[in-house]
Amino acid sequence: MDLQTRKLNLITYLAQVQDEVLLEKLESYILTNEREFYSELKPFTIEELVNRIKKSELDYKEGKFKSQEDLEKTSTNW
């Protein structure tokens, strides 16, 4: 089952739920995990950003990259 179908099934299930306690628990779980996920994200420092740029440029010069066409071909097999 693909991700889109799973999401639609979940939406359908949630639309039919009549138990308010269950909905409150689900909301709490989702909101708590969302906050935890985003609280772990932090912006790069200037030094980290510059290092990533340098590595990317080196990878490109050494041919360590995929073209848009390569990625599109790969994605058709997903």
Protein backbone atom coordinates (compact mmCIF):
# COMPACT_ATOMS: atom_id res chain seq x y z
CA MET A 1 0.00 0.00 0.00
CA ASP A 2 1.49 3.35 -0.98
CA LEU A 3 1.83 6.32 1.34
CA GLN A 4 -0.98 8.32 -0.28
CA THR A 5 -3.43 5.44 0.15
CA ARG A 6 -2.40 4.97 3.77
CA LYS A 7 -3.00 8.66 4.49
CA LEU A 8 -6.40 8.58 2.84
CA ASN A 9 -7.34 5.47 4.83
CA LEU A 10 -6.29 7.19 8.03
CA ILE A 11 -8.31 10.30 7.18
CA THR A 12 -11.35 8.12 6.47
CA TYR A 13 -10.90 6.30 9.77
CA LEU A 14 -10.50 9.54 11.74
CA ALA A 15 -13.57 11.05 10.10
CA GLN A 16 -15.63 8.15 11.46
CA VAL A 17 -14.24 8.14 15.01
CA GLN A 18 -16.87 9.12 17.57
CA ASP A 19 -14.76 8.63 20.72
CA GLU A 20 -13.70 12.06 21.91
CA VAL A 21 -11.15 10.64 24.37
CA LEU A 22 -9.43 8.76 21.55
CA LEU A 23 -9.33 11.91 19.42
CA GLU A 24 -7.86 13.92 22.30
CA LYS A 25 -5.14 11.30 22.79
CA LEU A 26 -4.32 11.28 19.08
CA GLU A 27 -4.20 15.08 18.93
CA SER A 28 -1.95 15.19 21.97
CA TYR A 29 0.36 12.56 20.52
CA ILE A 30 0.62 14.31 17.16
CA LEU A 31 1.18 17.77 18.60
CA THR A 32 3.76 16.54 21.13
CA ASN A 33 5.75 14.66 18.51
CA GLU A 34 5.57 17.53 16.06
CA ARG A 35 6.98 19.95 18.65
CA GLU A 36 9.74 17.48 19.55
CA PHE A 37 10.65 17.02 15.90
CA TYR A 38 10.89 20.73 15.17
CA SER A 39 12.65 21.52 18.44
CA GLU A 40 15.51 19.24 17.33
CA LEU A 41 16.00 21.25 14.14
CA LYS A 42 18.49 24.06 14.26
CA PRO A 43 19.96 26.29 11.59
CA PHE A 44 23.48 25.72 10.32
CA THR A 45 26.23 27.92 11.64
CA ILE A 46 28.06 29.95 9.01
CA GLU A 47 31.01 27.58 9.35
CA GLU A 48 28.83 24.49 8.82
CA LEU A 49 27.20 26.07 5.79
CA VAL A 50 30.54 27.05 4.23
CA ASN A 51 31.90 23.52 4.83
CA ARG A 52 28.86 21.95 3.17
CA ILE A 53 29.23 24.26 0.19
CA LYS A 54 32.92 23.40 -0.16
CA LYS A 55 32.17 19.66 0.02
CA SER A 56 29.39 20.02 -2.55
CA GLU A 57 31.65 21.90 -4.92
CA LEU A 58 34.36 19.24 -4.53
CA ASP A 59 31.85 16.45 -5.12
CA TYR A 60 30.69 18.21 -8.29
CA LYS A 61 34.25 18.65 -9.57
CA GLU A 62 34.92 14.95 -8.91
CA GLY A 63 31.75 13.92 -10.74
CA LYS A 64 30.01 12.69 -7.59
CA PHE A 65 26.51 13.81 -8.50
CA LYS A 66 23.41 12.70 -10.39
CA SER A 67 21.74 14.67 -13.14
CA GLN A 68 18.06 15.58 -13.10
CA GLU A 69 17.49 12.97 -15.79
CA ASP A 70 19.19 10.27 -13.68
CA LEU A 71 16.99 11.13 -10.71
CA GLU A 72 13.86 11.08 -12.83
CA LYS A 73 14.77 7.63 -14.19
CA THR A 74 15.43 6.37 -10.67
CA SER A 75 12.16 7.77 -9.33
CA THR A 76 10.10 5.95 -11.96
CA ASN A 77 11.11 2.68 -10.26
CA TRP A 78 9.81 3.70 -6.83
